[in-house]
Amino acid sequence: MKKEYTISVFSEHKVGLLHRISVIFSRRKLNIESLNTSESEVRGIYRFTIVVNTTEDMAKTLAKQIEKQIGILKAFYHTVDEIVYQEIALYKVPTAAFAEGDEVESLIRKHNARILTVEPEYIVVEKTGHKQETRQLFRELEPYGILQFTRSGRIALTKQNKEISAYLKEIDNYQKETANDVLTY
């Protein structure tokens, strides 16, 4: 049965790596629903957070195939229940919408959103939450006019007790030891 999986990939910072990862998905005719890249908690190691709708067997296969790529240190797949995750959305709304009354401000408070910037022509609102929460605010702001909208990819951390960072630190220590061995010869 298909469901949403989050694949966390830890890698070195290599040119072309994102392309090689995306090819793994396109060969299997799978759409990437969300993609985010950032530094990880270990210096020099980068994290890709990829969301895909697929079966567990395919998620497992994807993680294994990604790990085979040069420059990839480790890939994990998780269900929504195994992670803590968020997305951020920005909405550009005409300033005139706020002049019509307190409705827009009430919407912003109701959704625990915040105003980032106020300009004469527009106001930028930020909402952090899950995709359905950011969509709901979009639907409720739509009648007032949305000039621009964007939503980030998912960012996620695992709930598991053994942190991935422990694994990454082992790799980091191994790389340092290996570098020292090379230098001593």
Protein backbone atom coordinates (compact mmCIF):
# COMPACT_ATOMS: atom_id res chain seq x y z
CA MET A 1 0.00 0.00 0.00
CA LYS A 2 1.31 3.45 -0.93
CA LYS A 3 1.86 6.05 1.75
CA GLU A 4 4.09 9.02 2.45
CA TYR A 5 7.74 8.31 3.29
CA THR A 6 10.48 10.74 4.21
CA ILE A 7 13.93 9.72 3.02
CA SER A 8 16.86 11.33 4.82
CA VAL A 9 20.13 11.21 2.91
CA PHE A 10 23.48 12.18 4.42
CA SER A 11 26.27 13.02 2.02
CA GLU A 12 29.50 14.78 1.33
CA HIS A 13 29.16 18.07 -0.53
CA LYS A 14 29.63 16.89 -4.14
CA VAL A 15 28.65 18.53 -7.41
CA GLY A 16 26.07 16.50 -9.36
CA LEU A 17 24.87 14.47 -6.39
CA LEU A 18 21.34 15.91 -6.46
CA HIS A 19 21.05 14.99 -10.13
CA ARG A 20 22.13 11.40 -9.47
CA ILE A 21 19.62 11.11 -6.63
CA SER A 22 16.76 12.50 -8.75
CA VAL A 23 17.57 10.02 -11.54
CA ILE A 24 16.96 7.16 -9.08
CA PHE A 25 13.40 8.45 -8.62
CA SER A 26 12.71 9.25 -12.28
CA ARG A 27 13.84 5.79 -13.44
CA ARG A 28 11.11 4.36 -11.21
CA LYS A 29 8.60 6.97 -12.43
CA LEU A 30 8.21 8.40 -8.91
CA ASN A 31 7.53 12.07 -8.25
CA ILE A 32 9.43 13.75 -5.46
CA GLU A 33 6.73 15.53 -3.45
CA SER A 34 9.17 17.67 -1.46
CA LEU A 35 12.93 18.18 -1.39
CA ASN A 36 15.08 20.12 1.03
CA THR A 37 18.85 20.23 1.36
CA SER A 38 20.88 21.68 4.19
CA GLU A 39 23.94 21.22 6.33
CA SER A 40 23.58 18.55 9.02
CA GLU A 41 24.67 18.62 12.63
CA VAL A 42 28.10 17.23 11.62
CA ARG A 43 30.45 19.68 9.91
CA GLY A 44 31.00 18.86 6.24
CA ILE A 45 28.01 16.49 6.05
CA TYR A 46 24.85 17.54 4.19
CA ARG A 47 21.28 16.32 4.56
CA PHE A 48 18.71 15.80 1.83
CA THR A 49 15.12 15.42 3.05
CA ILE A 50 12.99 13.85 0.33
CA VAL A 51 9.25 13.14 0.53
CA VAL A 52 7.73 10.52 -1.75
CA ASN A 53 4.43 8.60 -1.94
CA THR A 54 5.23 4.94 -2.47
CA THR A 55 5.21 1.49 -0.89
CA GLU A 56 7.50 0.50 1.97
CA ASP A 57 9.36 -1.94 -0.28
CA MET A 58 10.04 0.83 -2.79
CA ALA A 59 11.11 3.27 -0.04
CA LYS A 60 13.57 0.65 1.20
CA THR A 61 14.84 0.07 -2.36
CA LEU A 62 15.24 3.82 -2.93
CA ALA A 63 17.30 4.20 0.26
CA LYS A 64 19.54 1.28 -0.77
CA GLN A 65 20.00 2.62 -4.31
CA ILE A 66 20.80 6.11 -3.03
CA GLU A 67 23.42 4.67 -0.65
CA LYS A 68 25.23 3.10 -3.61
CA GLN A 69 26.04 6.54 -5.01
CA ILE A 70 29.57 7.85 -4.52
CA GLY A 71 29.51 10.62 -1.93
CA ILE A 72 26.48 9.25 -0.05
CA LEU A 73 27.23 8.23 3.52
CA LYS A 74 23.83 6.90 4.60
CA ALA A 75 20.16 6.96 3.61
CA PHE A 76 17.21 6.25 5.90
CA TYR A 77 13.48 6.05 5.20
CA HIS A 78 10.80 6.94 7.74
CA THR A 79 7.02 7.05 8.02
CA VAL A 80 5.27 10.22 9.17
CA ASP A 81 4.87 8.67 12.65
CA GLU A 82 8.64 8.23 13.04
CA ILE A 83 9.59 11.88 12.49
CA VAL A 84 8.92 15.41 13.68
CA TYR A 85 8.51 17.65 10.65
CA GLN A 86 7.47 21.10 9.51
CA GLU A 87 7.20 23.24 6.41
CA ILE A 88 7.17 27.02 6.12
CA ALA A 89 4.86 29.01 3.86
CA LEU A 90 4.95 32.68 2.87
CA TYR A 91 1.87 34.56 1.66
CA LYS A 92 1.98 38.02 0.09
CA VAL A 93 -1.40 39.68 0.70
CA PRO A 94 -2.49 43.17 -0.42
CA THR A 95 -2.38 45.72 2.39
CA ALA A 96 -5.92 46.73 1.41
CA ALA A 97 -7.16 43.35 2.73
CA PHE A 98 -6.19 44.48 6.23
CA ALA A 99 -8.04 47.78 5.82
CA GLU A 100 -11.35 45.93 5.30
CA GLY A 101 -11.59 44.98 8.98
CA ASP A 102 -10.12 42.58 11.49
CA GLU A 103 -10.92 39.39 9.56
CA VAL A 104 -7.46 38.90 8.03
CA GLU A 105 -5.72 39.63 11.32
CA SER A 106 -8.05 37.15 13.04
CA LEU A 107 -7.17 34.51 10.44
CA ILE A 108 -3.47 35.07 11.05
CA ARG A 109 -3.92 34.69 14.82
CA LYS A 110 -6.22 31.66 14.43
CA HIS A 111 -3.55 29.88 12.37
CA ASN A 112 -0.63 30.91 14.62
CA ALA A 113 0.94 32.70 11.67
CA ARG A 114 2.91 35.91 11.90
CA ILE A 115 3.47 39.05 9.88
CA LEU A 116 7.02 39.31 8.53
CA THR A 117 6.89 42.54 6.60
CA VAL A 118 4.48 45.42 6.11
CA GLU A 119 4.81 47.54 2.97
CA PRO A 120 2.41 50.13 1.52
CA GLU A 121 1.20 47.70 -1.18
CA TYR A 122 1.44 44.32 0.56
CA ILE A 123 1.99 42.37 3.78
CA VAL A 124 4.00 39.13 3.97
CA VAL A 125 2.63 36.48 6.32
CA GLU A 126 4.60 33.42 7.50
CA LYS A 127 3.01 30.13 8.60
CA THR A 128 4.99 27.17 9.90
CA GLY A 129 3.23 23.82 10.08
CA HIS A 130 2.25 20.74 8.13
CA LYS A 131 1.22 20.93 4.48
CA GLN A 132 -2.51 20.69 5.24
CA GLU A 133 -2.22 23.60 7.72
CA THR A 134 -0.46 25.86 5.22
CA ARG A 135 -3.00 24.89 2.54
CA GLN A 136 -5.88 25.72 4.88
CA LEU A 137 -4.52 29.21 5.56
CA PHE A 138 -4.07 29.66 1.80
CA ARG A 139 -7.74 28.76 1.20
CA GLU A 140 -8.88 31.16 3.91
CA LEU A 141 -6.70 34.05 2.65
CA GLU A 142 -7.62 33.49 -1.00
CA PRO A 143 -10.82 35.61 -0.95
CA TYR A 144 -8.73 38.60 0.22
CA GLY A 145 -6.28 38.17 -2.66
CA ILE A 146 -2.95 36.39 -2.56
CA LEU A 147 -0.36 38.18 -4.67
CA GLN A 148 2.32 35.52 -4.20
CA PHE A 149 2.69 32.23 -2.34
CA THR A 150 5.52 29.80 -1.71
CA ARG A 151 6.02 26.79 0.55
CA SER A 152 9.32 25.19 1.50
CA GLY A 153 10.13 21.53 1.36
CA ARG A 154 9.76 19.41 4.46
CA ILE A 155 12.40 19.56 7.16
CA ALA A 156 12.40 16.60 9.54
CA LEU A 157 14.12 15.03 12.51
CA THR A 158 13.67 11.44 13.68
CA LYS A 159 11.94 10.53 16.93
CA GLN A 160 14.19 7.51 17.52
CA ASN A 161 16.40 7.42 20.61
CA LYS A 162 19.64 6.60 18.82
CA GLU A 163 20.29 9.77 16.95
CA ILE A 164 21.51 9.68 13.38
CA SER A 165 24.14 12.16 14.52
CA ALA A 166 25.80 9.33 16.51
CA TYR A 167 26.22 7.39 13.26
CA LEU A 168 27.49 10.50 11.48
CA LYS A 169 29.99 11.21 14.25
CA GLU A 170 31.33 7.66 13.89
CA ILE A 171 31.87 8.39 10.19
CA ASP A 172 33.47 11.73 11.04
CA ASN A 173 35.85 10.08 13.52
CA TYR A 174 36.70 7.37 11.00
CA GLN A 175 37.45 10.00 8.35
CA LYS A 176 39.71 11.89 10.76
CA GLU A 177 41.55 8.68 11.74
CA THR A 178 41.97 7.74 8.09
CA ALA A 179 43.30 11.21 7.29
CA ASN A 180 45.77 10.93 10.19
CA ASP A 181 46.91 7.49 8.98
CA VAL A 182 47.59 8.89 5.53
CA LEU A 183 49.54 11.81 6.99
CA THR A 184 51.78 9.58 9.13
CA TYR A 185 53.10 7.49 6.23
